[in-house]
Amino acid sequence: MPEGAAPAEVAEALAGLLPAAVLVRDGGRGTYVADRAGVRHVPAHAVTPVDTNGAGDAHTGVLMACLARGAGLRDATGRANVSAAIAVTREGPATAPTAEEIDAVVAERRSTLGVPD
C-alpha cells in the first residue's frame, strides 16, 4: 500500500485498473471490496488475536470456496472475515475453522458482519 493511503482508496484505485473486483484486507478492521459498483466495507468479526499466522490463508480459502459455491462477493467476504478472525484466536498456521464454526458466528452476528440473510 502506498504510504498514507487508506485501504478504501487503494481498493478503489486498483479496481479502476482491473476488469475485476478487488479486495483489500485491513486486518481487524475488515475488508474493502471495490468493483464497478463502487467501494464497500465489510466489517471484521472482533476478536482478541493470539497468533495471526495463517489468517490470510484462512480468509482466501473460505472466500474462494464460497465463490465456487455460488455465493455473492459480499457474503463470501463476510464469511472469509469470520474465518480469519477465528483463525487468529488459535496457535499455529493450520487453524482454519470448519464451516460449522463459521456458520455459528455468522448466525450470531449476521447484522454486523455485512452478510445477507
N, C-alpha and C. Protein backbone atom coordinates (compact mmCIF):
# COMPACT_ATOMS: atom_id res chain seq x y z
N MET A 1 0.84 -1.17 0.00
CA MET A 1 0.00 0.00 0.00
C MET A 1 0.89 1.24 0.00
N PRO A 2 0.57 2.25 -0.80
CA PRO A 2 1.35 3.48 -0.74
C PRO A 2 1.25 4.10 0.65
N GLU A 3 2.37 4.64 1.11
CA GLU A 3 2.39 5.22 2.45
C GLU A 3 1.32 6.29 2.58
N GLY A 4 0.52 6.18 3.63
CA GLY A 4 -0.52 7.15 3.92
C GLY A 4 -1.84 6.91 3.21
N ALA A 5 -1.89 5.96 2.30
CA ALA A 5 -3.14 5.69 1.57
C ALA A 5 -4.07 4.85 2.44
N ALA A 6 -5.32 5.20 2.43
CA ALA A 6 -6.32 4.43 3.16
C ALA A 6 -6.66 3.17 2.36
N PRO A 7 -6.99 2.07 3.05
CA PRO A 7 -7.32 0.84 2.34
C PRO A 7 -8.44 1.02 1.31
N ALA A 8 -9.44 1.81 1.63
CA ALA A 8 -10.53 2.03 0.68
C ALA A 8 -10.02 2.73 -0.58
N GLU A 9 -9.09 3.67 -0.43
CA GLU A 9 -8.52 4.37 -1.58
C GLU A 9 -7.71 3.41 -2.45
N VAL A 10 -6.96 2.53 -1.82
CA VAL A 10 -6.18 1.55 -2.56
C VAL A 10 -7.11 0.61 -3.34
N ALA A 11 -8.15 0.14 -2.68
CA ALA A 11 -9.12 -0.75 -3.34
C ALA A 11 -9.74 -0.06 -4.55
N GLU A 12 -10.15 1.19 -4.38
CA GLU A 12 -10.77 1.93 -5.49
C GLU A 12 -9.78 2.13 -6.65
N ALA A 13 -8.54 2.48 -6.33
CA ALA A 13 -7.54 2.70 -7.37
C ALA A 13 -7.26 1.41 -8.14
N LEU A 14 -7.12 0.29 -7.43
CA LEU A 14 -6.85 -0.98 -8.09
C LEU A 14 -8.04 -1.43 -8.94
N ALA A 15 -9.25 -1.22 -8.43
CA ALA A 15 -10.44 -1.62 -9.18
C ALA A 15 -10.54 -0.85 -10.49
N GLY A 16 -10.05 0.39 -10.51
CA GLY A 16 -10.07 1.18 -11.72
C GLY A 16 -9.08 0.68 -12.76
N LEU A 17 -8.11 -0.11 -12.35
CA LEU A 17 -7.10 -0.63 -13.26
C LEU A 17 -7.41 -2.03 -13.77
N LEU A 18 -8.28 -2.73 -13.08
CA LEU A 18 -8.54 -4.13 -13.40
C LEU A 18 -9.98 -4.37 -13.81
N PRO A 19 -10.23 -5.34 -14.67
CA PRO A 19 -11.61 -5.66 -15.05
C PRO A 19 -12.27 -6.64 -14.08
N ALA A 20 -11.92 -6.55 -12.82
CA ALA A 20 -12.44 -7.50 -11.83
C ALA A 20 -12.60 -6.78 -10.50
N ALA A 21 -13.18 -7.47 -9.55
CA ALA A 21 -13.30 -6.94 -8.20
C ALA A 21 -11.94 -7.02 -7.50
N VAL A 22 -11.74 -6.11 -6.57
CA VAL A 22 -10.51 -6.07 -5.78
C VAL A 22 -10.89 -6.10 -4.32
N LEU A 23 -10.18 -6.91 -3.54
CA LEU A 23 -10.37 -6.94 -2.09
C LEU A 23 -9.09 -6.44 -1.44
N VAL A 24 -9.24 -5.54 -0.49
CA VAL A 24 -8.11 -5.07 0.30
C VAL A 24 -8.43 -5.39 1.75
N ARG A 25 -7.65 -6.29 2.33
CA ARG A 25 -7.87 -6.66 3.73
C ARG A 25 -7.20 -5.62 4.61
N ASP A 26 -7.90 -5.25 5.68
CA ASP A 26 -7.40 -4.23 6.60
C ASP A 26 -7.38 -4.78 8.02
N GLY A 27 -6.82 -5.98 8.15
CA GLY A 27 -6.64 -6.60 9.46
C GLY A 27 -7.93 -6.69 10.25
N GLY A 28 -7.86 -6.29 11.49
CA GLY A 28 -9.01 -6.37 12.38
C GLY A 28 -10.11 -5.38 12.08
N ARG A 29 -9.93 -4.55 11.05
CA ARG A 29 -10.98 -3.59 10.68
C ARG A 29 -11.89 -4.13 9.58
N GLY A 30 -11.47 -5.21 8.92
CA GLY A 30 -12.34 -5.80 7.89
C GLY A 30 -11.70 -5.79 6.52
N THR A 31 -12.55 -5.76 5.50
CA THR A 31 -12.10 -5.85 4.12
C THR A 31 -12.86 -4.84 3.28
N TYR A 32 -12.15 -4.19 2.37
CA TYR A 32 -12.77 -3.29 1.40
C TYR A 32 -12.91 -4.02 0.08
N VAL A 33 -14.11 -4.00 -0.48
CA VAL A 33 -14.40 -4.63 -1.75
C VAL A 33 -14.67 -3.52 -2.75
N ALA A 34 -13.92 -3.52 -3.85
CA ALA A 34 -14.11 -2.50 -4.88
C ALA A 34 -14.35 -3.17 -6.21
N ASP A 35 -15.38 -2.68 -6.91
CA ASP A 35 -15.68 -3.16 -8.25
C ASP A 35 -16.42 -2.05 -8.98
N ARG A 36 -17.05 -2.37 -10.06
CA ARG A 36 -17.75 -1.34 -10.84
C ARG A 36 -18.89 -0.68 -10.07
N ALA A 37 -19.37 -1.34 -9.03
CA ALA A 37 -20.45 -0.78 -8.20
C ALA A 37 -19.92 0.19 -7.15
N GLY A 38 -18.61 0.27 -6.99
CA GLY A 38 -18.02 1.17 -6.01
C GLY A 38 -17.23 0.42 -4.95
N VAL A 39 -16.95 1.12 -3.86
CA VAL A 39 -16.18 0.53 -2.76
C VAL A 39 -17.11 0.31 -1.58
N ARG A 40 -17.05 -0.91 -1.04
CA ARG A 40 -17.88 -1.24 0.13
C ARG A 40 -16.98 -1.81 1.21
N HIS A 41 -17.30 -1.49 2.45
CA HIS A 41 -16.56 -2.03 3.58
C HIS A 41 -17.34 -3.21 4.16
N VAL A 42 -16.66 -4.33 4.35
CA VAL A 42 -17.27 -5.49 5.01
C VAL A 42 -16.54 -5.61 6.35
N PRO A 43 -17.25 -5.34 7.45
CA PRO A 43 -16.58 -5.29 8.76
C PRO A 43 -16.01 -6.63 9.19
N ALA A 44 -15.02 -6.52 10.06
CA ALA A 44 -14.39 -7.71 10.64
C ALA A 44 -15.24 -8.22 11.79
N HIS A 45 -14.94 -9.42 12.21
CA HIS A 45 -15.51 -10.00 13.43
C HIS A 45 -14.45 -9.76 14.50
N ALA A 46 -14.78 -8.96 15.49
CA ALA A 46 -13.80 -8.55 16.50
C ALA A 46 -13.44 -9.72 17.43
N VAL A 47 -12.15 -9.95 17.57
CA VAL A 47 -11.62 -10.98 18.46
C VAL A 47 -10.33 -10.46 19.07
N THR A 48 -9.83 -11.17 20.05
CA THR A 48 -8.51 -10.89 20.59
C THR A 48 -7.54 -11.88 19.95
N PRO A 49 -6.64 -11.40 19.09
CA PRO A 49 -5.76 -12.33 18.38
C PRO A 49 -4.73 -12.97 19.29
N VAL A 50 -4.43 -14.23 18.97
CA VAL A 50 -3.41 -15.00 19.68
C VAL A 50 -2.21 -15.21 18.75
N ASP A 51 -2.49 -15.52 17.49
CA ASP A 51 -1.44 -15.80 16.51
C ASP A 51 -2.01 -15.51 15.13
N THR A 52 -1.46 -14.52 14.43
CA THR A 52 -2.01 -14.13 13.13
C THR A 52 -1.48 -14.98 11.97
N ASN A 53 -0.59 -15.91 12.26
CA ASN A 53 -0.05 -16.78 11.24
C ASN A 53 -1.18 -17.62 10.63
N GLY A 54 -1.37 -17.53 9.33
CA GLY A 54 -2.39 -18.32 8.66
C GLY A 54 -3.72 -17.61 8.44
N ALA A 55 -3.84 -16.38 8.96
CA ALA A 55 -5.11 -15.65 8.81
C ALA A 55 -5.45 -15.40 7.35
N GLY A 56 -4.45 -15.00 6.57
CA GLY A 56 -4.69 -14.74 5.14
C GLY A 56 -5.05 -16.00 4.38
N ASP A 57 -4.43 -17.11 4.75
CA ASP A 57 -4.76 -18.38 4.11
C ASP A 57 -6.20 -18.78 4.40
N ALA A 58 -6.60 -18.63 5.66
CA ALA A 58 -7.98 -18.97 6.04
C ALA A 58 -8.95 -18.06 5.30
N HIS A 59 -8.64 -16.78 5.22
CA HIS A 59 -9.51 -15.80 4.54
C HIS A 59 -9.66 -16.17 3.06
N THR A 60 -8.53 -16.38 2.40
CA THR A 60 -8.56 -16.68 0.96
C THR A 60 -9.25 -18.00 0.68
N GLY A 61 -8.98 -19.01 1.48
CA GLY A 61 -9.60 -20.32 1.26
C GLY A 61 -11.11 -20.28 1.37
N VAL A 62 -11.60 -19.62 2.41
CA VAL A 62 -13.06 -19.54 2.60
C VAL A 62 -13.67 -18.65 1.52
N LEU A 63 -13.02 -17.56 1.17
CA LEU A 63 -13.53 -16.69 0.11
C LEU A 63 -13.70 -17.47 -1.19
N MET A 64 -12.66 -18.20 -1.58
CA MET A 64 -12.71 -18.96 -2.83
C MET A 64 -13.75 -20.08 -2.77
N ALA A 65 -13.84 -20.77 -1.64
CA ALA A 65 -14.82 -21.85 -1.50
C ALA A 65 -16.24 -21.30 -1.61
N CYS A 66 -16.49 -20.16 -0.98
CA CYS A 66 -17.83 -19.56 -1.05
C CYS A 66 -18.17 -19.13 -2.46
N LEU A 67 -17.22 -18.48 -3.14
CA LEU A 67 -17.47 -18.06 -4.53
C LEU A 67 -17.69 -19.26 -5.43
N ALA A 68 -16.94 -20.33 -5.22
CA ALA A 68 -17.10 -21.54 -6.04
C ALA A 68 -18.47 -22.17 -5.85
N ARG A 69 -19.05 -21.96 -4.68
CA ARG A 69 -20.39 -22.50 -4.40
C ARG A 69 -21.50 -21.55 -4.82
N GLY A 70 -21.14 -20.41 -5.42
CA GLY A 70 -22.15 -19.50 -5.95
C GLY A 70 -22.53 -18.35 -5.04
N ALA A 71 -21.83 -18.16 -3.93
CA ALA A 71 -22.14 -17.04 -3.04
C ALA A 71 -21.76 -15.73 -3.72
N GLY A 72 -22.45 -14.68 -3.33
CA GLY A 72 -22.09 -13.34 -3.81
C GLY A 72 -20.80 -12.89 -3.14
N LEU A 73 -20.17 -11.88 -3.74
CA LEU A 73 -18.88 -11.42 -3.23
C LEU A 73 -18.97 -10.87 -1.81
N ARG A 74 -20.03 -10.13 -1.50
CA ARG A 74 -20.15 -9.57 -0.15
C ARG A 74 -20.35 -10.67 0.89
N ASP A 75 -21.19 -11.64 0.59
CA ASP A 75 -21.42 -12.77 1.50
C ASP A 75 -20.12 -13.56 1.69
N ALA A 76 -19.45 -13.85 0.60
CA ALA A 76 -18.20 -14.61 0.67
C ALA A 76 -17.15 -13.85 1.48
N THR A 77 -17.09 -12.55 1.31
CA THR A 77 -16.12 -11.74 2.05
C THR A 77 -16.45 -11.72 3.54
N GLY A 78 -17.73 -11.61 3.87
CA GLY A 78 -18.12 -11.63 5.29
C GLY A 78 -17.76 -12.95 5.95
N ARG A 79 -18.01 -14.05 5.27
CA ARG A 79 -17.65 -15.37 5.81
C ARG A 79 -16.13 -15.53 5.89
N ALA A 80 -15.41 -15.01 4.91
CA ALA A 80 -13.95 -15.06 4.95
C ALA A 80 -13.40 -14.24 6.12
N ASN A 81 -14.01 -13.10 6.39
CA ASN A 81 -13.58 -12.29 7.53
C ASN A 81 -13.77 -13.06 8.83
N VAL A 82 -14.89 -13.76 8.95
CA VAL A 82 -15.14 -14.56 10.15
C VAL A 82 -14.10 -15.67 10.25
N SER A 83 -13.80 -16.31 9.15
CA SER A 83 -12.81 -17.39 9.14
C SER A 83 -11.46 -16.89 9.64
N ALA A 84 -11.01 -15.76 9.12
CA ALA A 84 -9.72 -15.21 9.55
C ALA A 84 -9.75 -14.84 11.02
N ALA A 85 -10.87 -14.29 11.48
CA ALA A 85 -10.99 -13.92 12.89
C ALA A 85 -10.88 -15.15 13.80
N ILE A 86 -11.56 -16.21 13.43
CA ILE A 86 -11.47 -17.43 14.23
C ILE A 86 -10.05 -17.97 14.19
N ALA A 87 -9.43 -17.95 13.01
CA ALA A 87 -8.07 -18.50 12.86
C ALA A 87 -7.07 -17.79 13.76
N VAL A 88 -7.19 -16.48 13.94
CA VAL A 88 -6.20 -15.76 14.74
C VAL A 88 -6.38 -15.96 16.24
N THR A 89 -7.45 -16.63 16.64
CA THR A 89 -7.64 -16.92 18.07
C THR A 89 -6.98 -18.23 18.46
N ARG A 90 -6.29 -18.88 17.50
CA ARG A 90 -5.67 -20.19 17.73
C ARG A 90 -4.18 -20.11 17.44
N GLU A 91 -3.42 -20.95 18.12
CA GLU A 91 -1.98 -21.02 17.90
C GLU A 91 -1.66 -21.80 16.62
N GLY A 92 -0.70 -21.32 15.85
CA GLY A 92 -0.18 -22.07 14.71
C GLY A 92 -0.85 -21.72 13.40
N PRO A 93 -0.22 -22.11 12.30
CA PRO A 93 -0.70 -21.73 10.98
C PRO A 93 -1.85 -22.56 10.43
N ALA A 94 -2.01 -23.78 10.85
CA ALA A 94 -3.04 -24.67 10.30
C ALA A 94 -4.28 -24.61 11.17
N THR A 95 -4.94 -23.44 11.18
CA THR A 95 -6.03 -23.23 12.13
C THR A 95 -7.32 -22.75 11.50
N ALA A 96 -7.50 -23.00 10.22
CA ALA A 96 -8.74 -22.56 9.57
C ALA A 96 -9.93 -23.26 10.22
N PRO A 97 -10.99 -22.50 10.49
CA PRO A 97 -12.16 -23.09 11.14
C PRO A 97 -12.98 -23.94 10.18
N THR A 98 -13.85 -24.73 10.73
CA THR A 98 -14.78 -25.53 9.93
C THR A 98 -15.93 -24.65 9.46
N ALA A 99 -16.65 -25.14 8.48
CA ALA A 99 -17.84 -24.42 8.00
C ALA A 99 -18.86 -24.25 9.13
N GLU A 100 -18.97 -25.24 9.99
CA GLU A 100 -19.93 -25.16 11.10
C GLU A 100 -19.55 -24.05 12.08
N GLU A 101 -18.25 -23.90 12.34
CA GLU A 101 -17.80 -22.82 13.23
C GLU A 101 -18.10 -21.45 12.63
N ILE A 102 -17.87 -21.31 11.34
CA ILE A 102 -18.16 -20.06 10.65
C ILE A 102 -19.66 -19.79 10.67
N ASP A 103 -20.47 -20.82 10.35
CA ASP A 103 -21.93 -20.67 10.35
C ASP A 103 -22.44 -20.17 11.70
N ALA A 104 -21.89 -20.69 12.79
CA ALA A 104 -22.35 -20.30 14.12
C ALA A 104 -22.09 -18.82 14.38
N VAL A 105 -20.92 -18.33 14.00
CA VAL A 105 -20.60 -16.91 14.21
C VAL A 105 -21.45 -16.04 13.29
N VAL A 106 -21.59 -16.45 12.03
CA VAL A 106 -22.39 -15.67 11.08
C VAL A 106 -23.84 -15.57 11.56
N ALA A 107 -24.40 -16.66 12.04
CA ALA A 107 -25.78 -16.65 12.52
C ALA A 107 -25.94 -15.71 13.71
N GLU A 108 -24.93 -15.69 14.57
CA GLU A 108 -24.97 -14.85 15.76
C GLU A 108 -24.76 -13.37 15.44
N ARG A 109 -23.93 -13.08 14.46
CA ARG A 109 -23.52 -11.70 14.19
C ARG A 109 -23.95 -11.19 12.81
N ARG A 110 -24.93 -11.81 12.20
CA ARG A 110 -25.32 -11.51 10.81
C ARG A 110 -25.46 -10.02 10.53
N SER A 111 -26.12 -9.28 11.38
CA SER A 111 -26.40 -7.87 11.08
C SER A 111 -25.15 -6.99 11.12
N THR A 112 -24.14 -7.35 11.88
CA THR A 112 -22.96 -6.51 11.97
C THR A 112 -21.82 -6.96 11.07
N LEU A 113 -21.92 -8.09 10.44
CA LEU A 113 -20.85 -8.62 9.61
C LEU A 113 -21.02 -8.29 8.12
N GLY A 114 -22.13 -7.74 7.74
CA GLY A 114 -22.35 -7.45 6.33
C GLY A 114 -22.69 -8.68 5.53
N VAL A 115 -23.16 -9.74 6.18
CA VAL A 115 -23.53 -10.98 5.50
C VAL A 115 -25.05 -11.00 5.38
N PRO A 116 -25.57 -11.09 4.15
CA PRO A 116 -27.04 -11.09 3.99
C PRO A 116 -27.70 -12.33 4.53
N ASP A 117 -29.02 -12.21 4.77
CA ASP A 117 -29.80 -13.38 5.23
C ASP A 117 -29.90 -14.42 4.14
